[in-house]
């Protein structure tokens, strides 16, 4: 876990420097995040289990939520002065201590306990050791967090890293199951450690993650030396941010040798904000992507079932020709067929085959012939209707699969908001009436690449795909994967011929931003924009094209 007890402690220390002695102006809640507003900025308490943490930031709450606990906090601690903000050892609990004199002159000393523990994260307001209220009222076998109950700290029997000695470590080892791994022993008995930081401790001690039963005195000494090196780094009050592909992937208070790309921060709070801003954006992106994909996938499944049902009906309609033949044979041989028969066998003059025809015995041969012609006409008309309907449904399905691909390839929240707007207009998502949309939607721009002097655009969504074609010159080059959903790619030629290397590069982009992203030898069609047409009534992103050639490429990032 990135936000372990070590990061918690150093962050709390830096936040106290900002808020100690200040008065609390207000409290807000937005998307599982509490903001305690001060003149110097905002104490941020994220209770989202995916990225629970504390920090200090300057934040404007755009859509504050109404919540009973927030209202209660405002009534009790708004205007209170901060007397202390500190962590409890290296555990993931901090305490905000506040003093306030109420309207009738009575003095209060409140303690706000903040547990940052994933899905168990909570904020609890306490006075004189008694719980006044909590963000989450819960009762477990360890704690009863309800108003009126005596407050009990989250039980922790772990050692403080600053107090670890050879003797205390030996005692702890005696009481821990010998079949367990050293890493589990570390994060289970010493405050602040997570699985990842326990691995770092073993790396520094040059130890494999063996069972405790295999530990020798030499191993124990190496472990103590590694703990001492970590203690030295903890005293420096610095923080590291680690990167992969220029994106922050972890933070720690001491150096983690697992990562090679990192920076050392003089201001831990800034690094905590940098890391969690990225994590939050990524989480929101994932949530929105899953939400939109769920709607589109559900529609795709429904359309596939409808088309499957139509195909079964089409198979039934194929009997139409058989009924026409029955009618023709009965009409031609009517003079030979007696009344009251249940069936008759006649020779088909076209094939010389014998054809057995069921009859309604109360009808004459001509009347049976008329009946079969009616059945033929009915099925023929039904088949025409089914074919038209199937064509419409297949076009809708093609659009939905194209939409699915644009959602899967979306890289930012703005990309997804553009797609969501398209889905609202296409009535795939119902727009809530009566609720004014106060959000300013920033429309994303197409992806833009430069290669060998040519500018290449790749659509991020169906609207952009259409716009790229509409705004392109007729001699610009248009590319799209063959027979599968994908982005439209336009190479701006400015009247110049495109070299093979640029053509290959543009084709690889088209393949990468398509359903063929993880395939090899993906077929990509290309033609001039003047041969790309969008018929009236076609859904966004769908076009017809001609005069094309095909390349086979393997997509690369």
Protein backbone atom coordinates (compact mmCIF):
# COMPACT_ATOMS: atom_id res chain seq x y z
CA UNK A 1 0.00 0.00 0.00
CA UNK A 2 1.42 3.41 -0.99
CA UNK A 3 -0.02 5.29 1.99
CA UNK A 4 1.51 3.25 4.80
CA UNK A 5 2.15 4.27 8.41
CA UNK A 6 5.49 5.85 7.53
CA UNK A 7 3.98 8.11 4.87
CA UNK A 8 1.06 8.85 7.22
CA UNK A 9 3.35 10.10 9.96
CA UNK A 10 5.52 12.37 7.81
CA UNK A 11 2.44 13.78 6.04
CA UNK A 12 0.69 14.50 9.33
CA UNK A 13 3.78 16.33 10.61
CA UNK A 14 3.89 18.59 7.55
CA UNK A 15 0.14 19.27 7.69
CA UNK A 16 0.43 20.35 11.34
CA UNK A 17 2.92 23.02 10.29
CA UNK A 18 0.15 24.50 8.08
CA UNK A 19 -2.86 24.31 10.42
CA UNK A 20 -1.64 24.44 14.03
CA UNK A 21 -3.26 27.43 15.77
CA UNK A 22 -5.71 28.12 12.91
CA UNK A 23 -9.48 28.19 13.14
CA UNK A 24 -11.56 25.73 11.17
CA UNK A 25 -13.70 27.68 8.69
CA UNK A 26 -15.91 24.95 7.26
CA UNK A 27 -16.26 21.26 6.37
CA UNK A 28 -17.30 19.81 3.00
CA UNK A 29 -17.89 16.35 1.58
CA UNK A 30 -17.42 15.48 -2.08
CA UNK A 31 -17.21 11.97 -3.49
CA UNK A 32 -16.09 10.24 -0.23
CA UNK A 33 -13.55 12.99 0.50
CA UNK A 34 -13.84 15.32 3.50
CA UNK A 35 -12.31 18.79 3.25
CA UNK A 36 -11.59 20.76 6.44
CA UNK A 37 -11.14 24.33 5.26
CA UNK A 38 -8.63 26.71 6.86
CA UNK A 39 -7.29 30.11 5.80
CA UNK A 40 -4.03 28.42 4.75
CA UNK A 41 -5.73 25.71 2.69
CA UNK A 42 -7.67 22.48 3.16
CA UNK A 43 -7.00 19.35 5.16
CA UNK A 44 -8.05 16.60 2.76
CA UNK A 45 -9.26 13.27 4.16
CA UNK A 46 -9.99 10.73 1.43
CA UNK A 47 -12.13 7.86 2.70
CA UNK A 48 -12.37 6.25 -0.72
CA UNK A 49 -11.09 2.67 -0.18
CA UNK A 50 -9.26 2.75 -3.52
CA UNK A 51 -7.07 5.70 -2.51
CA UNK A 52 -7.60 6.45 1.20
CA UNK A 53 -5.12 9.08 2.42
CA UNK A 54 -4.71 12.47 4.09
CA UNK A 55 -3.12 15.54 2.57
CA UNK A 56 -3.16 19.32 2.49
CA UNK A 57 -4.32 21.16 -0.59
CA UNK A 58 -6.16 24.20 -1.91
CA UNK A 59 -9.42 22.85 -3.20
CA UNK A 60 -12.74 24.34 -4.27
CA UNK A 61 -15.54 21.85 -3.66
CA UNK A 62 -17.67 22.06 -6.79
CA UNK A 63 -20.51 19.78 -5.76
CA UNK A 64 -20.69 19.55 -1.94
CA UNK A 65 -22.86 16.70 -0.70
CA UNK A 66 -25.45 16.88 2.06
CA UNK A 67 -24.64 14.43 4.83
CA UNK A 68 -25.75 14.13 8.45
CA UNK A 69 -22.25 13.63 9.84
CA UNK A 70 -20.93 16.71 8.01
CA UNK A 71 -23.81 18.80 9.36
CA UNK A 72 -23.04 17.50 12.85
CA UNK A 73 -19.35 18.38 12.51
CA UNK A 74 -20.23 21.89 11.40
CA UNK A 75 -22.50 22.35 14.41
CA UNK A 76 -19.78 21.19 16.82
CA UNK A 77 -16.34 22.10 15.50
CA UNK A 78 -16.75 24.85 12.90
CA UNK A 79 -14.78 27.85 14.22
CA UNK A 80 -12.71 25.65 16.57
CA UNK A 81 -8.96 26.24 16.90
CA UNK A 82 -6.44 23.50 16.10
CA UNK A 83 -4.25 22.72 19.11
CA UNK A 84 -2.50 19.66 17.64
CA UNK A 85 -2.46 17.35 14.64
CA UNK A 86 -0.39 14.21 15.06
CA UNK A 87 -0.12 10.54 14.16
CA UNK A 88 -0.24 7.73 16.68
CA UNK A 89 3.20 6.14 16.35
CA UNK A 90 3.54 4.74 12.85
CA UNK A 91 0.01 3.42 12.76
CA UNK A 92 -2.40 4.74 10.14
CA UNK A 93 -4.37 6.84 12.61
CA UNK A 94 -4.00 10.61 13.13
CA UNK A 95 -5.70 12.85 15.66
CA UNK A 96 -6.91 16.39 15.03
CA UNK A 97 -7.24 18.10 18.43
CA UNK A 98 -9.56 21.14 18.58
CA UNK A 99 -10.65 23.67 21.17
CA UNK A 100 -13.86 25.66 21.02
CA UNK A 101 -16.03 27.82 23.22
CA UNK A 102 -19.70 27.41 22.31
CA UNK A 103 -22.52 29.99 22.19
CA UNK A 104 -23.22 29.75 25.92
CA UNK A 105 -19.55 30.10 26.91
CA UNK A 106 -18.88 26.41 27.57
CA UNK A 107 -15.40 25.23 26.62
CA UNK A 108 -14.94 22.03 24.62
CA UNK A 109 -11.91 19.96 23.72
CA UNK A 110 -12.62 17.68 20.78
CA UNK A 111 -10.52 14.95 19.23
CA UNK A 112 -11.14 13.91 15.66
CA UNK A 113 -9.64 10.46 15.02
CA UNK A 114 -8.87 9.72 11.37
CA UNK A 115 -8.28 6.07 10.44
CA UNK A 116 -6.78 5.56 6.96
CA UNK A 117 -7.22 1.82 6.53
CA UNK A 118 -8.64 1.10 3.06
CA UNK A 119 -12.27 0.03 3.25
CA UNK A 120 -12.15 0.44 7.06
CA UNK A 121 -11.20 4.14 6.83
CA UNK A 122 -13.24 6.35 9.14
CA UNK A 123 -13.47 9.72 10.89
CA UNK A 124 -14.66 9.72 14.51
CA UNK A 125 -15.46 12.79 16.65
CA UNK A 126 -14.73 12.27 20.35
CA UNK A 127 -15.16 14.42 23.47
CA UNK A 128 -14.02 13.33 26.94
CA UNK A 129 -13.34 9.82 25.64
CA UNK A 130 -16.91 9.38 24.36
CA UNK A 131 -17.89 9.07 20.70
CA UNK A 132 -20.15 11.91 19.55
CA UNK A 133 -20.56 10.61 15.99
CA UNK A 134 -18.65 9.02 13.09
CA UNK A 135 -18.58 9.04 9.31
CA UNK A 136 -19.32 5.31 9.44
CA UNK A 137 -21.21 3.94 12.42
CA UNK A 138 -20.14 0.33 12.78
CA UNK A 139 -19.88 -2.38 15.40
CA UNK A 140 -17.31 -5.17 15.24
CA UNK A 141 -15.88 -7.61 17.78
CA UNK A 142 -13.01 -5.13 18.24
CA UNK A 143 -14.79 -1.76 18.39
CA UNK A 144 -18.23 -0.26 18.77
CA UNK A 145 -18.24 3.02 16.83
CA UNK A 146 -21.59 4.55 17.69
CA UNK A 147 -22.63 7.79 19.45
CA UNK A 148 -22.45 7.47 23.23
CA UNK A 149 -19.94 4.62 23.22
CA UNK A 150 -16.53 4.85 24.86
CA UNK A 151 -13.88 5.47 22.22
CA UNK A 152 -11.31 2.71 21.74
CA UNK A 153 -8.30 3.07 19.47
CA UNK A 154 -7.90 0.56 16.69
CA UNK A 155 -6.13 -2.31 18.42
CA UNK A 156 -2.44 -2.54 17.49
CA UNK A 157 0.14 -4.65 19.30
CA UNK A 158 2.85 -3.78 16.81
CA UNK A 159 6.26 -2.45 17.80
CA UNK A 160 7.33 1.10 16.98
CA UNK A 161 10.30 0.90 14.58
CA UNK A 162 12.22 3.38 16.75
CA UNK A 163 11.99 0.97 19.70
CA UNK A 164 12.97 -2.22 17.89
CA UNK A 165 15.96 -3.93 19.51
CA UNK A 166 17.57 -7.36 19.27
CA UNK A 167 15.72 -8.42 22.44
CA UNK A 168 12.28 -7.12 21.39
CA UNK A 169 12.68 -8.70 17.95
CA UNK A 170 13.67 -12.05 19.49
CA UNK A 171 10.65 -11.99 21.82
CA UNK A 172 8.32 -11.19 18.91
CA UNK A 173 9.85 -14.05 16.89
CA UNK A 174 9.15 -16.52 19.71
CA UNK A 175 5.42 -15.72 19.59
CA UNK A 176 5.02 -15.79 15.80
CA UNK A 177 4.23 -19.00 13.86
CA UNK A 178 7.52 -20.47 12.63
CA UNK A 179 6.09 -21.61 9.28
CA UNK A 180 5.28 -18.01 8.29
CA UNK A 181 7.57 -15.98 6.00
CA UNK A 182 9.85 -13.25 7.34
CA UNK A 183 8.02 -10.57 5.28
CA UNK A 184 4.72 -11.43 6.97
CA UNK A 185 6.41 -11.27 10.38
CA UNK A 186 7.76 -7.78 9.57
CA UNK A 187 4.51 -6.14 8.47
CA UNK A 188 2.52 -7.95 11.18
CA UNK A 189 4.73 -6.96 14.11
CA UNK A 190 6.35 -3.60 13.26
CA UNK A 191 4.29 -0.41 12.80
CA UNK A 192 4.25 1.29 9.42
CA UNK A 193 5.36 -1.63 7.24
CA UNK A 194 3.38 -2.93 4.29
CA UNK A 195 4.18 -5.98 2.15
CA UNK A 196 6.17 -3.82 -0.26
CA UNK A 197 8.25 -2.04 2.39
CA UNK A 198 8.84 -5.38 4.15
CA UNK A 199 10.35 -6.62 0.87
CA UNK A 200 12.62 -3.54 0.84
CA UNK A 201 13.79 -4.37 4.38
CA UNK A 202 14.70 -7.92 3.26
CA UNK A 203 16.54 -6.49 0.23
CA UNK A 204 18.63 -4.24 2.48
CA UNK A 205 19.36 -7.19 4.78
CA UNK A 206 20.28 -9.32 1.73
CA UNK A 207 17.82 -11.99 2.90
CA UNK A 208 15.48 -14.28 0.98
CA UNK A 209 11.88 -14.37 2.17
CA UNK A 210 12.40 -17.63 4.04
CA UNK A 211 10.32 -19.23 6.78
CA UNK A 212 10.98 -17.94 10.33
CA UNK A 213 12.14 -21.41 11.35
CA UNK A 214 15.23 -20.88 9.14
CA UNK A 215 16.34 -17.58 10.72
CA UNK A 216 19.77 -17.60 12.35
CA UNK A 217 21.47 -15.06 14.63
CA UNK A 218 23.37 -13.82 11.58
CA UNK A 219 20.09 -13.23 9.73
CA UNK A 220 18.70 -11.40 12.77
CA UNK A 221 21.70 -9.06 12.92
CA UNK A 222 21.35 -8.29 9.19
CA UNK A 223 17.68 -7.48 9.76
CA UNK A 224 18.53 -5.12 12.64
CA UNK A 225 21.13 -3.30 10.51
CA UNK A 226 18.54 -2.87 7.73
CA UNK A 227 16.02 -1.49 10.25
CA UNK A 228 18.66 0.97 11.47
CA UNK A 229 19.22 2.19 7.88
CA UNK A 230 15.49 2.80 7.50
CA UNK A 231 15.36 4.67 10.83
CA UNK A 232 18.09 7.00 9.57
CA UNK A 233 16.09 7.78 6.43
CA UNK A 234 12.90 8.32 8.44
CA UNK A 235 14.64 11.06 10.42
CA UNK A 236 15.31 12.98 7.18
CA UNK A 237 11.57 13.67 6.74
CA UNK A 238 11.67 13.26 2.98
CA UNK A 239 9.54 11.34 0.55
CA UNK A 240 10.16 9.49 -2.72
CA UNK A 241 7.86 9.30 -5.73
CA UNK A 242 8.41 6.45 -8.20
CA UNK A 243 7.55 6.49 -11.90
CA UNK A 244 6.86 4.11 -14.73
CA UNK A 245 6.39 5.50 -18.25
CA UNK A 246 6.46 9.00 -16.68
CA UNK A 247 3.46 8.14 -14.47
CA UNK A 248 3.67 8.01 -10.64
CA UNK A 249 3.19 4.44 -9.43
CA UNK A 250 4.21 4.57 -5.76
CA UNK A 251 5.47 6.70 -2.87
CA UNK A 252 7.53 5.93 0.20
CA UNK A 253 9.41 7.67 3.00
CA UNK A 254 12.58 5.63 2.46
CA UNK A 255 14.15 4.50 -0.81
CA UNK A 256 12.57 1.43 -2.44
CA UNK A 257 15.22 -0.28 -4.59
CA UNK A 258 12.56 -2.16 -6.54
CA UNK A 259 12.09 1.00 -8.63
CA UNK A 260 14.72 2.76 -10.74
CA UNK A 261 12.87 5.91 -11.91
CA UNK A 262 12.18 8.17 -8.93
CA UNK A 263 12.52 11.65 -7.46
CA UNK A 264 13.26 12.75 -3.92
CA UNK A 265 10.86 15.36 -2.52
CA UNK A 266 11.77 18.09 -0.10
CA UNK A 267 8.05 18.74 0.47
CA UNK A 268 6.28 15.40 1.21
CA UNK A 269 2.79 16.92 0.92
CA UNK A 270 3.41 18.03 -2.67
CA UNK A 271 4.48 14.50 -3.56
CA UNK A 272 1.49 12.95 -1.82
CA UNK A 273 -0.76 15.28 -3.85
CA UNK A 274 1.05 14.49 -7.10
CA UNK A 275 0.71 10.74 -6.57
CA UNK A 276 -2.91 10.70 -5.41
CA UNK A 277 -4.12 13.21 -7.98
CA UNK A 278 -2.90 10.76 -10.61
CA UNK A 279 -4.44 7.77 -8.78
CA UNK A 280 -7.78 9.56 -8.37
CA UNK A 281 -7.91 10.56 -12.04
CA UNK A 282 -7.06 7.01 -13.04
CA UNK A 283 -9.75 5.64 -10.73
CA UNK A 284 -12.38 8.06 -12.04
CA UNK A 285 -11.34 7.18 -15.59
CA UNK A 286 -11.73 3.47 -14.83
CA UNK A 287 -15.10 3.95 -13.15
CA UNK A 288 -16.49 6.08 -15.97
CA UNK A 289 -15.09 3.70 -18.58
CA UNK A 290 -16.69 0.69 -16.85
CA UNK A 291 -19.99 2.57 -16.51
CA UNK A 292 -20.15 3.43 -20.23
CA UNK A 293 -18.91 0.00 -21.32
CA UNK A 294 -21.58 -1.67 -19.19
CA UNK A 295 -24.30 0.27 -21.05
CA UNK A 296 -22.80 -0.38 -24.49
CA UNK A 297 -22.05 -4.07 -23.81
CA UNK A 298 -25.61 -4.58 -22.61
CA UNK A 299 -26.95 -3.02 -25.83
CA UNK A 300 -24.58 -5.12 -27.96
CA UNK A 301 -25.78 -8.29 -26.24
CA UNK A 302 -29.43 -7.28 -26.82
CA UNK A 303 -28.83 -6.53 -30.53
CA UNK A 304 -26.92 -9.80 -31.01
CA UNK A 305 -29.86 -11.73 -29.54
CA UNK A 306 -32.31 -9.87 -31.80
CA UNK A 307 -30.23 -10.60 -34.89
CA UNK A 308 -29.92 -14.26 -33.88
CA UNK A 309 -33.71 -14.43 -33.47
CA UNK A 310 -34.24 -12.82 -36.90
CA UNK A 311 -31.85 -15.30 -38.51
CA UNK A 312 -33.89 -18.17 -37.09
CA UNK A 313 -37.07 -16.61 -38.52
CA UNK A 314 -35.31 -16.16 -41.87
CA UNK A 315 -34.54 -19.88 -41.90
CA UNK A 316 -38.24 -20.59 -41.36
CA UNK A 317 -39.13 -18.24 -44.21
CA UNK A 318 -36.99 -20.24 -46.60
CA UNK A 319 -39.98 -22.62 -46.85
CA UNK A 320 -41.67 -19.93 -48.94
CA UNK A 321 -40.27 -21.33 -52.21
CA UNK A 322 -41.50 -24.79 -51.27
CA UNK A 323 -45.04 -23.46 -50.77
CA UNK A 324 -44.90 -21.65 -54.11
CA UNK A 325 -43.94 -24.93 -55.80
CA UNK A 326 -46.82 -26.73 -54.04
CA UNK A 327 -49.25 -24.08 -55.31
CA UNK A 328 -47.97 -24.30 -58.88
CA UNK A 329 -48.09 -28.12 -58.98
CA UNK A 330 -51.60 -28.26 -57.49
CA UNK A 331 -52.82 -25.66 -59.96
CA UNK A 332 -51.26 -27.48 -62.94
CA UNK A 333 -52.52 -30.96 -61.96
CA UNK A 334 -55.84 -29.88 -60.41
CA UNK A 335 -57.87 -31.78 -63.02
CA UNK A 336 -56.20 -35.05 -61.91
CA UNK A 337 -56.70 -34.60 -58.15
CA UNK A 338 -59.83 -35.93 -56.53
CA UNK A 339 -61.70 -34.24 -53.64
CA UNK A 340 -61.23 -35.31 -50.01
CA UNK A 341 -57.54 -36.39 -50.21
CA UNK A 342 -55.13 -35.69 -47.32
CA UNK A 343 -52.07 -35.69 -49.59
CA UNK A 344 -51.00 -36.14 -53.15
CA UNK A 345 -47.72 -36.98 -54.94
CA UNK A 346 -47.05 -35.05 -58.15
CA UNK A 347 -44.16 -34.90 -60.62
CA UNK A 348 -42.21 -31.62 -60.74
CA UNK A 349 -41.78 -30.96 -64.49
CA UNK A 350 -38.67 -28.87 -63.81
CA UNK A 351 -36.72 -31.57 -61.94
CA UNK A 352 -38.66 -34.74 -62.77
CA UNK A 353 -38.75 -35.45 -59.03
CA UNK A 354 -41.78 -36.74 -57.14
CA UNK A 355 -43.17 -34.14 -54.70
CA UNK A 356 -45.45 -35.13 -51.80
CA UNK A 357 -47.92 -32.35 -50.97
CA UNK A 358 -50.12 -32.32 -47.80
CA UNK A 359 -53.76 -31.29 -48.49
CA UNK A 360 -56.72 -29.98 -46.56
CA UNK A 361 -59.26 -32.71 -47.43
CA UNK A 362 -62.26 -30.40 -47.14
CA UNK A 363 -60.70 -28.10 -49.81
CA UNK A 364 -60.49 -28.69 -53.56
CA UNK A 365 -57.14 -28.89 -55.38
CA UNK A 366 -57.49 -25.27 -56.57
CA UNK A 367 -58.45 -24.10 -53.06
CA UNK A 368 -55.38 -25.91 -51.64
CA UNK A 369 -53.29 -24.25 -54.36
CA UNK A 370 -54.63 -20.81 -53.35
CA UNK A 371 -53.84 -21.59 -49.70
CA UNK A 372 -50.19 -22.40 -50.52
CA UNK A 373 -49.81 -19.27 -52.68
CA UNK A 374 -51.11 -17.18 -49.76
CA UNK A 375 -48.59 -18.85 -47.42
CA UNK A 376 -45.83 -18.17 -49.97
CA UNK A 377 -46.76 -14.47 -50.32
CA UNK A 378 -47.02 -14.05 -46.55
CA UNK A 379 -43.59 -15.59 -45.90
CA UNK A 380 -42.03 -13.68 -48.82
CA UNK A 381 -43.32 -10.38 -47.42
CA UNK A 382 -42.15 -11.35 -43.93
CA UNK A 383 -38.70 -12.25 -45.29
CA UNK A 384 -38.38 -8.82 -46.93
CA UNK A 385 -39.31 -7.14 -43.63
CA UNK A 386 -36.88 -9.33 -41.68
CA UNK A 387 -34.06 -8.56 -44.12
CA UNK A 388 -34.67 -4.80 -43.79
CA UNK A 389 -34.82 -5.07 -40.01
CA UNK A 390 -31.67 -7.18 -39.87
CA UNK A 391 -29.81 -4.61 -41.99
CA UNK A 392 -30.86 -1.82 -39.61
CA UNK A 393 -29.89 -3.84 -36.54
CA UNK A 394 -26.52 -4.80 -38.02
CA UNK A 395 -25.80 -1.13 -38.72
CA UNK A 396 -26.73 -0.28 -35.10
CA UNK A 397 -24.54 -3.16 -33.88
CA UNK A 398 -21.64 -1.91 -35.99
CA UNK A 399 -22.03 1.53 -34.42
CA UNK A 400 -22.17 0.07 -30.90
CA UNK A 401 -19.00 -1.94 -31.49
CA UNK A 402 -17.31 1.19 -32.81
CA UNK A 403 -18.50 3.04 -29.69
CA UNK A 404 -17.19 0.19 -27.52
CA UNK A 405 -13.77 0.54 -29.12
CA UNK A 406 -13.61 4.31 -28.57
CA UNK A 407 -14.47 3.82 -24.88
CA UNK A 408 -11.81 1.13 -24.45
CA UNK A 409 -9.18 3.38 -26.07
CA UNK A 410 -10.16 6.53 -24.13
CA UNK A 411 -7.16 7.98 -22.28
CA UNK A 412 -8.66 10.87 -20.30
CA UNK A 413 -11.87 11.72 -18.48
CA UNK A 414 -12.55 14.43 -21.09
CA UNK A 415 -12.46 11.73 -23.78
CA UNK A 416 -15.10 9.76 -21.89
CA UNK A 417 -17.27 12.81 -21.20
CA UNK A 418 -17.31 13.50 -24.94
CA UNK A 419 -18.39 9.92 -25.58
CA UNK A 420 -21.01 10.13 -22.82
CA UNK A 421 -22.44 13.27 -24.45
CA UNK A 422 -22.67 11.38 -27.76
CA UNK A 423 -24.46 8.52 -25.97
CA UNK A 424 -26.94 10.95 -24.41
CA UNK A 425 -27.69 12.46 -27.83
CA UNK A 426 -28.05 8.95 -29.27
CA UNK A 427 -30.47 8.13 -26.41
CA UNK A 428 -28.28 5.30 -25.13
CA UNK A 429 -28.20 7.18 -21.83
CA UNK A 430 -31.22 8.93 -20.39
CA UNK A 431 -30.63 12.55 -19.45
CA UNK A 432 -32.05 13.36 -16.02
CA UNK A 433 -34.74 16.01 -16.33
CA UNK A 434 -34.88 18.92 -13.98
CA UNK A 435 -31.21 18.70 -13.01
CA UNK A 436 -29.20 21.54 -14.48
CA UNK A 437 -25.79 20.55 -15.71
CA UNK A 438 -23.40 23.03 -14.13
CA UNK A 439 -20.28 21.19 -15.28
CA UNK A 440 -18.28 22.79 -18.05
CA UNK A 441 -17.41 20.00 -20.47
CA UNK A 442 -14.02 20.46 -22.10
CA UNK A 443 -14.10 18.70 -25.45
CA UNK A 444 -10.97 16.70 -26.18
CA UNK A 445 -8.92 17.11 -29.36
CA UNK A 446 -7.94 14.32 -31.77
CA UNK A 447 -4.60 12.61 -31.15
CA UNK A 448 -1.93 14.33 -33.21
CA UNK A 449 1.32 12.81 -34.48
CA UNK A 450 4.09 14.17 -36.67
CA UNK A 451 6.11 11.78 -38.82
CA UNK A 452 8.52 12.51 -41.70
CA UNK A 453 7.07 16.01 -41.97
CA UNK A 454 3.44 14.79 -42.20
CA UNK A 455 0.76 15.55 -39.58
CA UNK A 456 -1.41 12.57 -38.70
CA UNK A 457 -4.69 12.83 -36.78
CA UNK A 458 -6.39 9.93 -34.95
CA UNK A 459 -9.98 10.31 -33.74
CA UNK A 460 -10.67 9.73 -30.04
CA UNK A 461 -14.41 9.23 -30.51
CA UNK A 462 -17.05 8.97 -33.24
CA UNK A 463 -17.70 12.71 -33.39
CA UNK A 464 -14.01 13.37 -33.98
CA UNK A 465 -13.91 10.58 -36.57
CA UNK A 466 -16.67 12.32 -38.54
CA UNK A 467 -15.10 15.74 -38.07
CA UNK A 468 -11.69 14.54 -39.29
CA UNK A 469 -13.25 13.39 -42.57
CA UNK A 470 -15.45 16.49 -42.91
CA UNK A 471 -12.57 18.93 -42.41
CA UNK A 472 -9.97 17.01 -44.44
CA UNK A 473 -8.90 17.92 -47.95
CA UNK A 474 -10.09 15.50 -50.65
CA UNK A 475 -6.46 14.51 -51.34
CA UNK A 476 -5.64 13.75 -47.68
CA UNK A 477 -5.22 10.06 -46.90
CA UNK A 478 -7.81 8.23 -44.80
CA UNK A 479 -7.08 4.92 -43.03
CA UNK A 480 -9.20 2.44 -41.06
CA UNK A 481 -8.85 -1.18 -40.01
CA UNK A 482 -10.74 -3.55 -42.26
CA UNK A 483 -13.89 -5.20 -40.96
CA UNK A 484 -13.57 -4.23 -37.30
CA UNK A 485 -14.15 -1.21 -35.01
CA UNK A 486 -11.35 1.34 -34.91
CA UNK A 487 -10.40 5.00 -35.01
CA UNK A 488 -10.37 7.03 -38.22
CA UNK A 489 -6.85 8.14 -39.17
CA UNK A 490 -6.22 11.09 -41.51
CA UNK A 491 -2.81 12.00 -42.91
CA UNK A 492 -2.58 15.64 -44.00
CA UNK A 493 -0.74 15.50 -47.33
CA UNK A 494 -0.76 19.18 -48.38
CA UNK A 495 -0.64 17.89 -51.93
CA UNK A 496 2.59 15.90 -51.38
CA UNK A 497 2.94 12.16 -52.11
CA UNK A 498 3.17 9.99 -48.98
CA UNK A 499 6.27 7.83 -48.62
CA UNK A 500 5.96 4.14 -47.66
CA UNK A 501 7.45 4.68 -44.19
CA UNK A 502 4.80 7.29 -43.31
CA UNK A 503 2.06 5.09 -44.76
CA UNK A 504 3.22 2.17 -42.60
CA UNK A 505 3.36 4.41 -39.51
CA UNK A 506 -0.19 5.73 -40.07
CA UNK A 507 -1.46 2.17 -40.69
CA UNK A 508 0.10 1.03 -37.40
CA UNK A 509 -1.69 3.87 -35.61
CA UNK A 510 -4.99 2.78 -37.17
CA UNK A 511 -4.33 -0.81 -36.06
CA UNK A 512 -3.25 0.22 -32.55
CA UNK A 513 -6.43 2.24 -31.92
CA UNK A 514 -8.70 -0.62 -33.02
CA UNK A 515 -10.00 -3.99 -31.89
CA UNK A 516 -6.93 -5.47 -33.57
CA UNK A 517 -4.63 -3.71 -31.10
CA UNK A 518 -3.17 -6.97 -29.74
CA UNK A 519 -3.13 -8.87 -33.03
CA UNK A 520 -0.52 -9.31 -35.78
CA UNK A 521 -0.91 -8.67 -39.50
CA UNK A 522 -3.96 -6.44 -39.02
CA UNK A 523 -5.57 -5.42 -42.36
CA UNK A 524 -5.76 -1.64 -42.73
CA UNK A 525 -7.59 -0.07 -45.69
CA UNK A 526 -6.48 3.30 -47.04
CA UNK A 527 -7.85 5.67 -49.65
CA UNK A 528 -8.12 9.39 -50.38
CA UNK A 529 -10.69 11.30 -48.36
CA UNK A 530 -12.70 12.07 -51.53
CA UNK A 531 -13.64 8.39 -51.67
CA UNK A 532 -15.01 8.36 -48.10
CA UNK A 533 -18.75 9.06 -47.90
CA UNK A 534 -21.19 9.35 -45.02
CA UNK A 535 -24.74 8.51 -46.21
CA UNK A 536 -27.64 10.34 -44.64
CA UNK A 537 -28.90 8.59 -41.53
CA UNK A 538 -25.62 6.80 -40.75
CA UNK A 539 -24.63 6.81 -37.07
CA UNK A 540 -21.59 8.84 -35.90
CA UNK A 541 -18.31 7.29 -36.99
CA UNK A 542 -19.83 5.07 -39.70
CA UNK A 543 -18.91 5.69 -43.35
CA UNK A 544 -18.71 3.99 -46.75
CA UNK A 545 -15.51 4.07 -48.79
CA UNK A 546 -14.22 2.90 -52.15
CA UNK A 547 -11.07 2.85 -54.37
CA UNK A 548 -9.05 1.53 -51.42
CA UNK A 549 -5.93 -0.57 -50.98
CA UNK A 550 -5.02 -2.74 -48.00
CA UNK A 551 -1.89 -2.98 -45.86
CA UNK A 552 -1.16 -5.69 -43.27
CA UNK A 553 0.63 -4.33 -40.20
CA UNK A 554 1.45 -5.28 -36.63
CA UNK A 555 0.46 -2.44 -34.26
CA UNK A 556 3.12 -1.00 -31.97
CA UNK A 557 2.78 1.63 -29.24
